[in-house]
């Protein structure tokens, strides 16, 4: 999603002061720390199922 936002913003989205650039950088770092969204869902789903029982 953040990559698409950068493309929509064009060159202004690549400037370090632009919010789109900030969010893209944060998302990239968090995906390295936390894993991909698919991996997170696979880890969290069993925990949620246990909570609902």
C-alpha atoms as a PDB file:
ATOM      1  CA  UNK A   1       0.000   0.000   0.000  1.00  0.00           C
ATOM      2  CA  UNK A   2       2.765   2.437   0.846  1.00  0.00           C
ATOM      3  CA  UNK A   3       4.549   1.660  -2.430  1.00  0.00           C
ATOM      4  CA  UNK A   4       1.379   2.555  -4.325  1.00  0.00           C
ATOM      5  CA  UNK A   5       1.074   5.783  -2.331  1.00  0.00           C
ATOM      6  CA  UNK A   6       4.608   6.735  -3.346  1.00  0.00           C
ATOM      7  CA  UNK A   7       3.781   6.117  -6.994  1.00  0.00           C
ATOM      8  CA  UNK A   8       0.624   8.219  -6.779  1.00  0.00           C
ATOM      9  CA  UNK A   9       2.535  11.068  -5.149  1.00  0.00           C
ATOM     10  CA  UNK A  10       5.217  10.944  -7.819  1.00  0.00           C
ATOM     11  CA  UNK A  11       8.529  12.676  -7.201  1.00  0.00           C
ATOM     12  CA  UNK A  12       7.211  14.615  -4.204  1.00  0.00           C
ATOM     13  CA  UNK A  13       6.586  11.314  -2.386  1.00  0.00           C
ATOM     14  CA  UNK A  14      10.269  10.472  -2.593  1.00  0.00           C
ATOM     15  CA  UNK A  15      11.309  13.545  -0.607  1.00  0.00           C
ATOM     16  CA  UNK A  16      12.348  12.649   2.946  1.00  0.00           C
ATOM     17  CA  UNK A  17      10.003  15.275   4.428  1.00  0.00           C
ATOM     18  CA  UNK A  18       6.884  13.863   2.752  1.00  0.00           C
ATOM     19  CA  UNK A  19       4.545  11.705   4.861  1.00  0.00           C
ATOM     20  CA  UNK A  20       4.280   9.039   2.151  1.00  0.00           C
ATOM     21  CA  UNK A  21       8.040   8.506   2.293  1.00  0.00           C
ATOM     22  CA  UNK A  22       7.974   8.301   6.086  1.00  0.00           C
ATOM     23  CA  UNK A  23       5.199   5.694   6.120  1.00  0.00           C
ATOM     24  CA  UNK A  24       6.894   3.666   3.381  1.00  0.00           C
ATOM     25  CA  UNK A  25      10.155   3.616   5.329  1.00  0.00           C
ATOM     26  CA  UNK A  26       8.368   2.603   8.555  1.00  0.00           C
ATOM     27  CA  UNK A  27       6.475  -0.183   6.781  1.00  0.00           C
ATOM     28  CA  UNK A  28       9.703  -1.535   5.285  1.00  0.00           C
ATOM     29  CA  UNK A  29      11.441  -1.595   8.667  1.00  0.00           C
ATOM     30  CA  UNK A  30       8.462  -3.170  10.429  1.00  0.00           C
ATOM     31  CA  UNK A  31       8.213  -5.909   7.807  1.00  0.00           C
ATOM     32  CA  UNK A  32      11.845  -6.785   8.519  1.00  0.00           C
ATOM     33  CA  UNK A  33      11.231  -6.899  12.278  1.00  0.00           C
ATOM     34  CA  UNK A  34       7.795  -8.471  12.326  1.00  0.00           C
ATOM     35  CA  UNK A  35       7.721 -10.453   9.093  1.00  0.00           C
ATOM     36  CA  UNK A  36       5.304 -10.227   6.231  1.00  0.00           C
ATOM     37  CA  UNK A  37       1.578  -9.722   6.826  1.00  0.00           C
ATOM     38  CA  UNK A  38       0.988 -13.339   5.777  1.00  0.00           C
ATOM     39  CA  UNK A  39       3.444 -14.586   8.396  1.00  0.00           C
ATOM     40  CA  UNK A  40       1.855 -12.406  11.075  1.00  0.00           C
ATOM     41  CA  UNK A  41      -1.627 -13.698  10.275  1.00  0.00           C
ATOM     42  CA  UNK A  42      -0.377 -17.287  10.457  1.00  0.00           C
ATOM     43  CA  UNK A  43       1.084 -16.635  13.910  1.00  0.00           C
ATOM     44  CA  UNK A  44      -1.815 -14.624  15.314  1.00  0.00           C
ATOM     45  CA  UNK A  45      -4.731 -16.733  14.067  1.00  0.00           C
ATOM     46  CA  UNK A  46      -4.087 -19.689  16.425  1.00  0.00           C
ATOM     47  CA  UNK A  47      -3.755 -17.284  19.348  1.00  0.00           C
ATOM     48  CA  UNK A  48      -7.070 -15.642  18.517  1.00  0.00           C
ATOM     49  CA  UNK A  49      -8.776 -18.992  18.197  1.00  0.00           C
ATOM     50  CA  UNK A  50      -7.569 -19.925  21.685  1.00  0.00           C
ATOM     51  CA  UNK A  51      -8.906 -16.647  23.098  1.00  0.00           C
ATOM     52  CA  UNK A  52     -12.355 -17.239  21.594  1.00  0.00           C
ATOM     53  CA  UNK A  53     -12.733 -20.714  23.107  1.00  0.00           C
END
